[in-house]
Protein backbone atom coordinates (compact mmCIF):
# COMPACT_ATOMS: atom_id res chain seq x y z
CA MET A 1 -44.69 -7.37 -32.45
CA ALA A 2 -42.44 -6.60 -29.50
CA THR A 3 -43.92 -6.97 -26.03
CA ALA A 4 -43.46 -4.02 -23.72
CA VAL A 5 -41.33 -4.86 -20.68
CA LYS A 6 -42.58 -3.48 -17.42
CA PRO A 7 -39.96 -1.70 -15.34
CA ARG A 8 -38.77 -3.85 -12.45
CA THR A 9 -39.89 -2.54 -9.07
CA THR A 10 -37.26 -2.58 -6.32
CA ARG A 11 -38.69 -3.33 -2.91
CA ARG A 12 -36.84 -1.73 -0.01
CA THR A 13 -36.02 -3.81 3.02
CA LYS A 14 -37.07 -2.64 6.46
CA LYS A 15 -33.46 -1.82 7.33
CA GLU A 16 -33.04 0.31 4.20
CA ALA A 17 -36.24 2.21 5.00
CA VAL A 18 -35.05 2.89 8.54
CA ASP A 19 -31.60 4.01 7.35
CA GLU A 20 -33.18 6.37 4.81
CA ALA A 21 -35.50 7.84 7.44
CA LEU A 22 -32.55 8.32 9.78
CA VAL A 23 -30.56 10.18 7.12
CA GLU A 24 -33.53 12.43 6.41
CA ALA A 25 -33.99 13.14 10.10
CA ILE A 26 -30.32 14.09 10.46
CA GLU A 27 -30.49 16.39 7.42
CA ASP A 28 -33.71 18.01 8.70
CA GLY A 29 -32.11 18.38 12.10
CA SER A 30 -29.12 20.17 10.59
CA ASP A 31 -31.39 22.61 8.74
CA ALA A 32 -33.49 23.19 11.83
CA HIS A 33 -30.37 23.79 13.90
CA ASP A 34 -29.14 26.33 11.37
CA ASN A 35 -32.47 28.09 11.55
CA GLY A 36 -32.53 28.02 15.35
CA GLY A 37 -35.41 25.50 15.37
CA VAL A 38 -35.88 21.93 16.59
CA ALA A 39 -36.47 19.09 14.13
CA LEU A 40 -37.99 16.62 16.59
CA GLY A 41 -40.08 17.49 19.62
CA ALA A 42 -39.59 15.93 23.06
CA ALA A 43 -42.79 13.92 22.62
CA ASP A 44 -41.34 12.38 19.44
CA ILE A 45 -38.18 11.30 21.23
CA PHE A 46 -39.37 10.34 24.72
CA GLY A 47 -43.04 9.55 24.15
CA ALA A 48 -44.81 9.18 27.49
CA PHE A 49 -41.64 9.66 29.52
CA GLU A 50 -42.22 10.75 33.14
CA LEU A 51 -39.84 12.00 35.80
CA PRO A 52 -38.60 9.44 38.36
CA TYR A 53 -40.08 9.72 41.84
CA THR A 54 -39.21 8.58 45.36
CA VAL A 55 -41.37 7.33 48.18
CA GLU A 56 -40.50 6.78 51.85
CA VAL A 57 -41.51 3.36 53.16
CA THR A 58 -41.52 1.96 56.69
CA VAL A 59 -41.74 -1.79 57.14
CA ALA A 60 -42.53 -3.70 60.33
CA GLY A 61 -40.91 -7.04 61.07
CA VAL A 62 -43.31 -9.89 61.79
CA LYS A 63 -40.58 -12.52 62.05
CA THR A 64 -37.17 -12.64 63.73
CA TYR A 65 -34.29 -10.91 61.95
CA PHE A 66 -31.03 -12.90 61.90
CA PHE A 67 -27.75 -10.99 61.54
CA SER A 68 -24.95 -12.67 59.60
CA ARG A 69 -22.53 -10.05 58.30
CA PRO A 70 -19.44 -11.50 56.59
CA ASP A 71 -16.42 -10.01 58.34
CA MET A 72 -12.99 -10.36 56.72
CA ASP A 73 -11.05 -9.63 59.91
CA GLU A 74 -12.98 -12.30 61.83
CA TRP A 75 -12.43 -14.80 59.03
CA GLU A 76 -8.66 -14.16 58.97
CA LYS A 77 -8.57 -14.47 62.74
CA LYS A 78 -10.11 -17.93 62.54
CA GLU A 79 -7.87 -18.99 59.67
CA ASN A 80 -4.73 -18.01 61.59
CA SER A 81 -5.79 -19.69 64.84
CA ALA A 82 -4.91 -23.25 65.79
CA PRO A 83 -7.36 -26.01 64.78
CA GLY A 84 -9.73 -26.82 67.63
CA SER A 85 -8.86 -23.63 69.51
CA ARG A 86 -11.44 -21.42 71.19
CA ALA A 87 -10.75 -18.59 68.74
CA ARG A 88 -11.70 -20.83 65.83
CA LYS A 89 -14.86 -22.17 67.45
CA GLU A 90 -16.30 -18.89 68.75
CA THR A 91 -17.35 -15.76 66.87
CA ASP A 92 -17.64 -12.26 68.30
CA PRO A 93 -21.35 -11.33 67.90
CA GLU A 94 -20.41 -7.72 67.16
CA SER A 95 -18.60 -8.85 64.02
CA LEU A 96 -21.88 -10.26 62.67
CA VAL A 97 -23.95 -7.05 62.74
CA TRP A 98 -24.12 -3.89 60.63
CA ARG A 99 -24.27 -0.41 62.15
CA ASP A 100 -25.09 3.00 60.70
CA ALA A 101 -23.01 6.16 61.09
CA ASP A 102 -24.60 6.82 64.50
CA GLY A 103 -23.83 3.36 65.82
CA TYR A 104 -27.35 1.91 65.61
CA LEU A 105 -28.03 -1.57 64.25
CA ALA A 106 -28.71 -1.62 60.52
CA PHE A 107 -28.73 -3.87 57.46
CA PRO A 108 -27.64 -3.38 53.82
CA SER A 109 -30.28 -1.99 51.45
CA THR A 110 -29.41 -4.73 48.96
CA GLN A 111 -31.51 -7.07 51.11
CA ILE A 112 -34.63 -5.03 50.31
CA LYS A 113 -33.71 -4.95 46.62
CA THR A 114 -33.17 -8.73 46.60
CA ALA A 115 -36.55 -9.26 48.26
CA MET A 116 -38.30 -7.09 45.65
CA ILE A 117 -36.64 -8.98 42.80
CA ALA A 118 -37.78 -12.27 44.36
CA ALA A 119 -41.33 -10.90 44.58
CA GLY A 120 -41.13 -9.88 40.91
CA ARG A 121 -41.03 -13.53 39.88
CA TYR A 122 -44.74 -13.71 40.66
CA SER A 123 -45.73 -10.81 38.39
CA PRO A 124 -45.67 -10.31 34.60
CA ASP A 125 -43.11 -8.00 33.02
CA PRO A 126 -44.74 -4.55 32.59
CA SER A 127 -42.17 -3.51 30.00
CA LYS A 128 -43.51 -6.12 27.54
CA THR A 129 -40.05 -7.20 26.42
CA GLY A 130 -40.96 -10.87 26.37
CA ARG A 131 -39.30 -11.74 29.67
CA ARG A 132 -41.09 -14.35 31.75
CA SER A 133 -41.45 -12.27 34.91
CA ALA A 134 -41.00 -8.76 36.29
CA ALA A 135 -37.81 -9.70 38.20
CA PRO A 136 -35.34 -8.28 35.59
CA PHE A 137 -37.47 -5.15 35.20
CA ILE A 138 -37.52 -4.55 38.98
CA SER A 139 -33.74 -4.93 39.08
CA GLU A 140 -33.44 -2.10 36.53
CA ALA A 141 -36.37 0.16 37.45
CA LEU A 142 -36.31 0.27 41.27
CA ASN A 143 -33.55 1.25 43.66
CA VAL A 144 -33.09 2.00 47.36
CA ALA A 145 -31.48 5.40 48.04
CA GLU A 146 -29.67 4.41 51.26
CA ASP A 147 -26.65 2.10 51.41
CA VAL A 148 -27.61 0.85 54.88
CA ILE A 149 -31.07 0.91 56.49
CA THR A 150 -31.34 1.56 60.23
CA PHE A 151 -33.48 -0.60 62.51
CA HIS A 152 -35.70 1.35 64.87
CA HIS A 153 -38.50 0.85 67.39
CA LEU A 154 -42.08 1.98 66.80
CA ASP A 155 -41.24 5.35 68.40
CA GLY A 156 -38.34 5.88 65.98
CA GLU A 157 -35.54 5.18 68.46
CA GLY A 158 -32.72 3.07 67.01
CA TYR A 159 -31.51 -0.27 68.33
CA GLU A 160 -28.24 0.03 70.21
CA THR A 161 -27.86 -3.74 70.56
CA TRP A 162 -29.56 -6.99 69.59
CA ASN A 163 -32.33 -8.67 71.60
CA GLU A 164 -30.72 -12.07 71.96
CA ILE A 165 -28.05 -14.47 70.69
CA ASP A 166 -29.68 -17.33 68.86
CA VAL A 167 -27.87 -20.66 69.27
CA ARG A 168 -28.75 -23.73 67.24
CA ILE A 169 -27.12 -26.81 65.77
CA VAL A 170 -26.43 -26.44 62.05
CA ARG A 171 -24.72 -28.46 59.36
CA TYR A 172 -21.48 -26.93 58.08
CA ALA A 173 -20.21 -27.02 54.51
CA ASN A 174 -17.88 -29.95 55.38
CA GLY A 175 -20.88 -32.04 56.42
CA ARG A 176 -20.21 -31.85 60.15
CA PHE A 177 -22.71 -30.50 62.69
CA GLY A 178 -22.01 -27.85 65.26
CA PRO A 179 -23.44 -24.83 67.11
CA ARG A 180 -24.02 -21.54 65.32
CA ARG A 181 -24.55 -18.29 67.20
CA ARG A 182 -26.17 -15.25 65.59
CA PRO A 183 -27.50 -11.98 67.03
CA ILE A 184 -31.23 -11.55 66.39
CA LEU A 185 -34.00 -8.97 66.68
CA HIS A 186 -37.39 -10.17 67.85
CA PRO A 187 -40.52 -9.47 65.76
CA GLY A 188 -41.63 -5.86 66.08
CA TRP A 189 -38.53 -4.23 64.59
CA HIS A 190 -39.07 -1.40 62.09
CA ALA A 191 -36.99 -0.01 59.23
CA THR A 192 -37.50 3.09 57.08
CA PHE A 193 -35.96 3.62 53.65
CA THR A 194 -36.42 5.68 50.48
CA LEU A 195 -37.38 3.83 47.34
CA GLN A 196 -36.47 5.32 43.96
CA VAL A 197 -38.78 4.52 41.03
CA LEU A 198 -36.77 5.10 37.85
CA VAL A 199 -39.40 4.07 35.27
CA PRO A 200 -42.56 5.68 36.65
CA GLU A 201 -44.58 5.34 33.45
CA LEU A 202 -44.58 1.56 33.93
CA ILE A 203 -45.00 1.21 37.69
CA ARG A 204 -47.39 3.31 39.75
CA PRO A 205 -47.15 4.05 43.50
CA GLY A 206 -49.95 1.60 44.27
CA ASP A 207 -48.05 -1.14 42.44
CA VAL A 208 -44.91 -0.30 44.42
CA GLY A 209 -46.77 -0.73 47.71
CA VAL A 210 -48.11 -4.12 46.63
CA LEU A 211 -44.63 -5.18 45.47
CA ILE A 212 -42.93 -4.31 48.78
CA ASN A 213 -45.65 -6.07 50.76
CA ARG A 214 -45.18 -9.19 48.66
CA ALA A 215 -41.40 -8.91 49.03
CA GLY A 216 -41.88 -9.09 52.79
CA MET A 217 -44.14 -12.11 52.49
CA VAL A 218 -42.20 -14.28 50.02
CA ARG A 219 -38.58 -13.38 50.83
CA GLY A 220 -37.97 -11.04 53.77
CA VAL A 221 -34.54 -9.76 54.85
CA GLY A 222 -31.58 -11.03 56.79
CA ASP A 223 -30.25 -14.56 57.25
CA ASN A 224 -32.35 -17.73 57.42
CA THR A 225 -35.07 -16.33 55.12
CA LYS A 226 -35.30 -19.74 53.45
CA PHE A 227 -37.02 -20.96 56.61
CA GLY A 228 -39.29 -17.94 57.08
CA ALA A 229 -37.13 -15.50 59.06
CA GLY A 230 -37.01 -11.76 58.37
CA ARG A 231 -40.56 -11.43 57.05
CA PHE A 232 -42.15 -7.96 57.14
CA THR A 233 -45.21 -5.95 56.12
CA VAL A 234 -45.60 -2.33 55.01
CA ALA A 235 -46.36 -0.13 58.03
CA THR A 236 -46.45 3.28 56.32
CA PHE A 237 -46.23 4.34 52.68
CA GLY A 238 -45.35 8.00 52.07
CA THR A 239 -46.45 10.44 49.40
CA PRO A 240 -44.47 10.14 46.14
CA GLU A 241 -42.14 13.08 45.47
CA PRO A 242 -39.92 13.98 42.49
CA ALA A 243 -36.53 12.32 42.66
CA HIS A 244 -33.53 14.60 43.35
CA TRP A 245 -30.12 13.40 42.20
């Protein structure tokens, strides 16, 4: 007596199932387009997507800010001067500072971004991608609108010049010691900038305020931050508004 053979069941792989679903979605989309309809709704595509927002932040410096702008012209001037000459030993303080379009002292916004990324090392990744900290996420999800950020006093007036020239003995790359002169701003400086939050569904305004405060505590801005310079705290935190591109 012959034994009945059961038909062999073919099990689809996950990739085959996804490919089949994709083909069906494309075909349904074509039919819906022909009929003037929409195959997939916005909620199906974007989920809980929210619009990016901006917030204006003012920080107050609690530690000295050290200027140290790399200047190509000053570097070439030193390279072309005679060894041991005065031109090679001395640096024009003006070549070490940044200024905005109105001539006031400023600093590059990348320093704020770098400080926020450093602060992100102490927080978990909210995007749940398996990364060890929030630092990569902050690099992608937060941005500063301005290219340069202007220093100003408490009353909003900009700094026309630095407070002092700091002089101290440092060790150069060649191992020798010598004096280094840098313009500085004493504690009490302020800076206002606009922060752009590009992934708002994963980072709320309250979290942004905490992040910037921590950035000022653990990293700061300017030169010599390794030894505690350039630290700041949040002075004012504005109302979030929709981002305009």
